[in-house]
Amino acid sequence: MATIILYMAYLLVPVLSFLFMFKLLDNNNKRTRYSVYYASLMSAFCLIVFLTGPQIS
């Protein structure tokens, strides 16, 4: 049960970080490029952790 909650948290991190960066950089024109870059980086990291998690534990 704890691993399911942990994996759901890993899947929610890119979405929340995307929304946070989108709101944070709302004042300038660099918003879209940075938020998409950051969200793709976070989602790639979380996907790697999500895929390698069951094999490690």
N, C-alpha and C. Protein backbone atom coordinates (compact mmCIF):
# COMPACT_ATOMS: atom_id res chain seq x y z
N MET A 1 0.83 -1.20 0.00
CA MET A 1 0.00 0.00 0.00
C MET A 1 0.87 1.26 0.00
N ALA A 2 1.96 1.19 0.73
CA ALA A 2 2.83 2.36 0.81
C ALA A 2 3.52 2.63 -0.52
N THR A 3 3.83 1.55 -1.24
CA THR A 3 4.50 1.74 -2.54
C THR A 3 3.56 2.36 -3.55
N ILE A 4 2.27 2.02 -3.46
CA ILE A 4 1.29 2.62 -4.37
C ILE A 4 1.18 4.12 -4.12
N ILE A 5 1.15 4.50 -2.84
CA ILE A 5 1.09 5.93 -2.49
C ILE A 5 2.36 6.64 -2.95
N LEU A 6 3.50 5.99 -2.79
CA LEU A 6 4.77 6.58 -3.21
C LEU A 6 4.81 6.78 -4.71
N TYR A 7 4.33 5.80 -5.47
CA TYR A 7 4.31 5.93 -6.93
C TYR A 7 3.33 6.99 -7.39
N MET A 8 2.19 7.12 -6.71
CA MET A 8 1.24 8.17 -7.05
C MET A 8 1.85 9.54 -6.79
N ALA A 9 2.63 9.66 -5.72
CA ALA A 9 3.31 10.92 -5.43
C ALA A 9 4.34 11.24 -6.51
N TYR A 10 5.06 10.21 -6.96
CA TYR A 10 6.03 10.43 -8.04
C TYR A 10 5.36 10.85 -9.34
N LEU A 11 4.15 10.36 -9.59
CA LEU A 11 3.44 10.75 -10.80
C LEU A 11 2.82 12.13 -10.67
N LEU A 12 2.54 12.56 -9.44
CA LEU A 12 1.94 13.88 -9.24
C LEU A 12 2.97 15.00 -9.23
N VAL A 13 4.23 14.67 -8.95
CA VAL A 13 5.27 15.71 -8.88
C VAL A 13 5.42 16.51 -10.17
N PRO A 14 5.48 15.90 -11.37
CA PRO A 14 5.61 16.72 -12.59
C PRO A 14 4.43 17.64 -12.83
N VAL A 15 3.23 17.16 -12.51
CA VAL A 15 2.03 17.98 -12.72
C VAL A 15 2.04 19.18 -11.79
N LEU A 16 2.34 18.95 -10.53
CA LEU A 16 2.37 20.04 -9.56
C LEU A 16 3.50 21.01 -9.85
N SER A 17 4.65 20.50 -10.27
CA SER A 17 5.77 21.39 -10.59
C SER A 17 5.47 22.21 -11.83
N PHE A 18 4.76 21.61 -12.79
CA PHE A 18 4.38 22.36 -13.98
C PHE A 18 3.44 23.50 -13.62
N LEU A 19 2.45 23.22 -12.78
CA LEU A 19 1.51 24.25 -12.37
C LEU A 19 2.20 25.34 -11.56
N PHE A 20 3.16 24.93 -10.71
CA PHE A 20 3.89 25.89 -9.89
C PHE A 20 4.74 26.82 -10.75
N MET A 21 5.47 26.24 -11.71
CA MET A 21 6.31 27.06 -12.57
C MET A 21 5.47 27.94 -13.48
N PHE A 22 4.33 27.42 -13.91
CA PHE A 22 3.45 28.20 -14.78
C PHE A 22 2.91 29.41 -14.03
N LYS A 23 2.58 29.22 -12.76
CA LYS A 23 2.06 30.33 -11.95
C LYS A 23 3.20 31.27 -11.55
N LEU A 24 4.38 30.71 -11.30
CA LEU A 24 5.50 31.52 -10.83
C LEU A 24 6.01 32.44 -11.93
N LEU A 25 6.07 31.94 -13.16
CA LEU A 25 6.61 32.73 -14.27
C LEU A 25 5.50 33.36 -15.10
N ASP A 26 4.40 33.71 -14.43
CA ASP A 26 3.24 34.22 -15.14
C ASP A 26 3.46 35.66 -15.61
N ASN A 27 4.42 36.37 -15.01
CA ASN A 27 4.56 37.79 -15.29
C ASN A 27 5.37 38.09 -16.55
N ASN A 28 6.24 37.17 -16.93
CA ASN A 28 7.10 37.46 -18.08
C ASN A 28 6.82 36.49 -19.22
N ASN A 29 7.48 36.72 -20.33
CA ASN A 29 7.21 35.93 -21.53
C ASN A 29 7.98 34.61 -21.57
N LYS A 30 8.88 34.42 -20.59
CA LYS A 30 9.68 33.20 -20.56
C LYS A 30 8.93 32.04 -19.91
N ARG A 31 7.68 32.27 -19.57
CA ARG A 31 6.88 31.32 -18.81
C ARG A 31 6.80 29.94 -19.48
N THR A 32 6.39 29.92 -20.73
CA THR A 32 6.07 28.65 -21.38
C THR A 32 7.32 27.79 -21.60
N ARG A 33 8.41 28.41 -22.03
CA ARG A 33 9.62 27.64 -22.32
C ARG A 33 10.18 27.01 -21.05
N TYR A 34 10.29 27.80 -19.98
CA TYR A 34 10.86 27.28 -18.75
C TYR A 34 9.96 26.25 -18.09
N SER A 35 8.65 26.49 -18.09
CA SER A 35 7.74 25.56 -17.42
C SER A 35 7.68 24.23 -18.15
N VAL A 36 7.68 24.26 -19.48
CA VAL A 36 7.67 23.02 -20.25
C VAL A 36 8.98 22.26 -20.06
N TYR A 37 10.10 22.97 -20.05
CA TYR A 37 11.41 22.34 -19.84
C TYR A 37 11.50 21.70 -18.46
N TYR A 38 11.05 22.45 -17.45
CA TYR A 38 11.12 21.95 -16.07
C TYR A 38 10.19 20.76 -15.87
N ALA A 39 8.98 20.84 -16.42
CA ALA A 39 8.02 19.75 -16.25
C ALA A 39 8.47 18.50 -16.99
N SER A 40 9.08 18.67 -18.16
CA SER A 40 9.56 17.49 -18.89
C SER A 40 10.75 16.86 -18.17
N LEU A 41 11.60 17.69 -17.57
CA LEU A 41 12.73 17.17 -16.80
C LEU A 41 12.25 16.39 -15.58
N MET A 42 11.28 16.96 -14.85
CA MET A 42 10.76 16.30 -13.67
C MET A 42 10.00 15.03 -14.03
N SER A 43 9.25 15.06 -15.13
CA SER A 43 8.49 13.87 -15.51
C SER A 43 9.42 12.75 -15.97
N ALA A 44 10.53 13.12 -16.64
CA ALA A 44 11.50 12.10 -17.04
C ALA A 44 12.15 11.46 -15.82
N PHE A 45 12.52 12.27 -14.84
CA PHE A 45 13.11 11.75 -13.61
C PHE A 45 12.14 10.85 -12.86
N CYS A 46 10.89 11.30 -12.76
CA CYS A 46 9.90 10.51 -12.02
C CYS A 46 9.54 9.24 -12.77
N LEU A 47 9.58 9.28 -14.09
CA LEU A 47 9.30 8.07 -14.87
C LEU A 47 10.41 7.04 -14.69
N ILE A 48 11.66 7.52 -14.64
CA ILE A 48 12.79 6.61 -14.40
C ILE A 48 12.68 5.97 -13.01
N VAL A 49 12.35 6.78 -12.02
CA VAL A 49 12.20 6.26 -10.66
C VAL A 49 11.02 5.29 -10.59
N PHE A 50 9.94 5.65 -11.29
CA PHE A 50 8.73 4.81 -11.30
C PHE A 50 9.00 3.45 -11.95
N LEU A 51 9.82 3.44 -13.00
CA LEU A 51 10.08 2.19 -13.71
C LEU A 51 11.12 1.33 -13.00
N THR A 52 12.07 1.95 -12.33
CA THR A 52 13.12 1.18 -11.66
C THR A 52 12.77 0.86 -10.21
N GLY A 53 11.72 1.43 -9.69
CA GLY A 53 11.35 1.21 -8.30
C GLY A 53 11.07 -0.22 -7.92
N PRO A 54 10.20 -0.95 -8.65
CA PRO A 54 9.89 -2.33 -8.27
C PRO A 54 11.09 -3.27 -8.36
N GLN A 55 12.04 -2.99 -9.23
CA GLN A 55 13.19 -3.87 -9.36
C GLN A 55 14.20 -3.65 -8.23
N ILE A 56 14.25 -2.42 -7.74
CA ILE A 56 15.18 -2.13 -6.64
C ILE A 56 14.65 -2.72 -5.34
N SER A 57 13.38 -2.47 -5.05
CA SER A 57 12.80 -2.95 -3.80
C SER A 57 12.29 -4.38 -3.98
